[in-house]
Amino acid sequence: MSLKNATVEFQTDVSSFGEGIVVAHDESTGSLVIRDADGIHWRGVEDHIVVIEHAR
């Protein structure tokens, strides 16, 4: 299932987390791009996120 447009919490380093919206998700590799409230993009994998709310 695609996570595009889902609100997620993501890990930025060992003890820091952010929250944002998934703007791209490759289901075959698990990679994704998240945009936070400041417009900053984070690239990572599904293993480093927690879904807060699925897109409707």
N, C-alpha and C. Protein backbone atom coordinates (compact mmCIF):
# COMPACT_ATOMS: atom_id res chain seq x y z
N MET A 1 0.84 -1.18 0.00
CA MET A 1 0.00 0.00 0.00
C MET A 1 0.89 1.25 0.00
N SER A 2 0.57 2.17 -0.87
CA SER A 2 1.35 3.39 -0.95
C SER A 2 1.13 4.27 0.29
N LEU A 3 2.19 4.89 0.73
CA LEU A 3 2.12 5.80 1.87
C LEU A 3 2.03 7.27 1.42
N LYS A 4 1.94 7.50 0.11
CA LYS A 4 1.89 8.87 -0.39
C LYS A 4 0.76 9.65 0.27
N ASN A 5 1.07 10.85 0.72
CA ASN A 5 0.17 11.78 1.40
C ASN A 5 -0.13 11.41 2.85
N ALA A 6 0.49 10.35 3.37
CA ALA A 6 0.31 9.99 4.77
C ALA A 6 1.12 10.94 5.65
N THR A 7 0.62 11.21 6.84
CA THR A 7 1.36 11.98 7.84
C THR A 7 2.18 10.98 8.64
N VAL A 8 3.49 11.26 8.76
CA VAL A 8 4.38 10.31 9.43
C VAL A 8 5.35 11.03 10.36
N GLU A 9 5.88 10.26 11.30
CA GLU A 9 6.99 10.71 12.13
C GLU A 9 8.21 9.99 11.58
N PHE A 10 9.33 10.71 11.44
CA PHE A 10 10.53 10.11 10.88
C PHE A 10 11.74 10.43 11.74
N GLN A 11 12.69 9.52 11.73
CA GLN A 11 13.89 9.67 12.55
C GLN A 11 14.96 10.38 11.73
N THR A 12 15.45 11.52 12.24
CA THR A 12 16.46 12.29 11.53
C THR A 12 17.88 11.97 11.97
N ASP A 13 18.04 11.52 13.19
CA ASP A 13 19.32 11.00 13.69
C ASP A 13 19.04 10.14 14.91
N VAL A 14 20.05 9.80 15.67
CA VAL A 14 19.89 8.85 16.77
C VAL A 14 18.80 9.24 17.76
N SER A 15 18.69 10.52 18.09
CA SER A 15 17.71 10.93 19.10
C SER A 15 16.77 12.04 18.65
N SER A 16 16.69 12.29 17.35
CA SER A 16 15.83 13.37 16.85
C SER A 16 14.80 12.82 15.86
N PHE A 17 13.61 13.41 15.94
CA PHE A 17 12.52 12.99 15.08
C PHE A 17 11.84 14.22 14.49
N GLY A 18 11.18 14.03 13.37
CA GLY A 18 10.40 15.08 12.74
C GLY A 18 9.06 14.53 12.30
N GLU A 19 8.20 15.42 11.84
CA GLU A 19 6.88 15.01 11.35
C GLU A 19 6.66 15.66 10.00
N GLY A 20 6.05 14.93 9.08
CA GLY A 20 5.80 15.49 7.77
C GLY A 20 4.85 14.63 6.95
N ILE A 21 4.73 15.00 5.68
CA ILE A 21 3.85 14.33 4.73
C ILE A 21 4.70 13.59 3.70
N VAL A 22 4.34 12.35 3.41
CA VAL A 22 5.04 11.58 2.38
C VAL A 22 4.66 12.15 1.02
N VAL A 23 5.65 12.61 0.25
CA VAL A 23 5.39 13.17 -1.07
C VAL A 23 5.77 12.20 -2.19
N ALA A 24 6.56 11.17 -1.86
CA ALA A 24 6.92 10.14 -2.84
C ALA A 24 7.20 8.85 -2.09
N HIS A 25 6.77 7.73 -2.68
CA HIS A 25 6.97 6.43 -2.04
C HIS A 25 7.16 5.38 -3.12
N ASP A 26 8.30 4.70 -3.09
CA ASP A 26 8.56 3.59 -4.01
C ASP A 26 8.29 2.30 -3.24
N GLU A 27 7.17 1.69 -3.51
CA GLU A 27 6.77 0.49 -2.76
C GLU A 27 7.71 -0.68 -3.00
N SER A 28 8.36 -0.75 -4.15
CA SER A 28 9.23 -1.88 -4.45
C SER A 28 10.53 -1.84 -3.66
N THR A 29 11.02 -0.64 -3.34
CA THR A 29 12.28 -0.52 -2.59
C THR A 29 12.07 -0.06 -1.15
N GLY A 30 10.88 0.48 -0.85
CA GLY A 30 10.61 0.99 0.49
C GLY A 30 11.15 2.39 0.74
N SER A 31 11.73 3.00 -0.29
CA SER A 31 12.27 4.36 -0.12
C SER A 31 11.14 5.38 -0.23
N LEU A 32 11.34 6.51 0.46
CA LEU A 32 10.34 7.56 0.41
C LEU A 32 10.96 8.93 0.62
N VAL A 33 10.16 9.94 0.27
CA VAL A 33 10.54 11.34 0.47
C VAL A 33 9.43 11.97 1.30
N ILE A 34 9.85 12.68 2.36
CA ILE A 34 8.90 13.33 3.27
C ILE A 34 9.19 14.82 3.27
N ARG A 35 8.14 15.65 3.26
CA ARG A 35 8.29 17.11 3.36
C ARG A 35 7.72 17.53 4.71
N ASP A 36 8.54 18.26 5.48
CA ASP A 36 8.07 18.73 6.79
C ASP A 36 7.39 20.09 6.66
N ALA A 37 6.93 20.65 7.76
CA ALA A 37 6.18 21.92 7.76
C ALA A 37 7.02 23.09 7.27
N ASP A 38 8.35 22.99 7.37
CA ASP A 38 9.24 24.05 6.90
C ASP A 38 9.59 23.89 5.42
N GLY A 39 9.07 22.85 4.77
CA GLY A 39 9.35 22.61 3.36
C GLY A 39 10.64 21.84 3.11
N ILE A 40 11.25 21.33 4.17
CA ILE A 40 12.49 20.56 4.03
C ILE A 40 12.14 19.12 3.69
N HIS A 41 12.90 18.55 2.75
CA HIS A 41 12.66 17.17 2.33
C HIS A 41 13.64 16.22 3.02
N TRP A 42 13.14 15.09 3.44
CA TRP A 42 13.92 14.02 4.06
C TRP A 42 13.75 12.78 3.20
N ARG A 43 14.87 12.13 2.89
CA ARG A 43 14.82 10.90 2.11
C ARG A 43 15.26 9.75 3.00
N GLY A 44 14.51 8.66 2.96
CA GLY A 44 14.84 7.52 3.79
C GLY A 44 14.03 6.30 3.40
N VAL A 45 13.91 5.37 4.35
CA VAL A 45 13.19 4.12 4.09
C VAL A 45 12.07 3.93 5.10
N GLU A 46 11.15 3.05 4.75
CA GLU A 46 9.96 2.80 5.57
C GLU A 46 10.31 2.38 7.00
N ASP A 47 11.43 1.71 7.18
CA ASP A 47 11.82 1.22 8.52
C ASP A 47 12.07 2.35 9.51
N HIS A 48 12.23 3.59 9.04
CA HIS A 48 12.58 4.70 9.92
C HIS A 48 11.42 5.66 10.13
N ILE A 49 10.20 5.20 9.86
CA ILE A 49 9.03 6.07 10.04
C ILE A 49 7.95 5.37 10.87
N VAL A 50 7.05 6.20 11.40
CA VAL A 50 5.84 5.71 12.06
C VAL A 50 4.68 6.47 11.42
N VAL A 51 3.70 5.76 10.90
CA VAL A 51 2.54 6.41 10.28
C VAL A 51 1.64 6.96 11.37
N ILE A 52 1.36 8.26 11.29
CA ILE A 52 0.46 8.92 12.24
C ILE A 52 -0.97 8.87 11.71
N GLU A 53 -1.11 9.16 10.41
CA GLU A 53 -2.44 9.14 9.79
C GLU A 53 -2.29 8.80 8.32
N HIS A 54 -3.03 7.80 7.85
CA HIS A 54 -3.02 7.44 6.44
C HIS A 54 -3.78 8.49 5.63
N ALA A 55 -3.38 8.64 4.38
CA ALA A 55 -4.07 9.57 3.48
C ALA A 55 -5.50 9.10 3.27
N ARG A 56 -6.38 10.04 3.07
CA ARG A 56 -7.79 9.69 2.84
C ARG A 56 -8.12 9.70 1.39
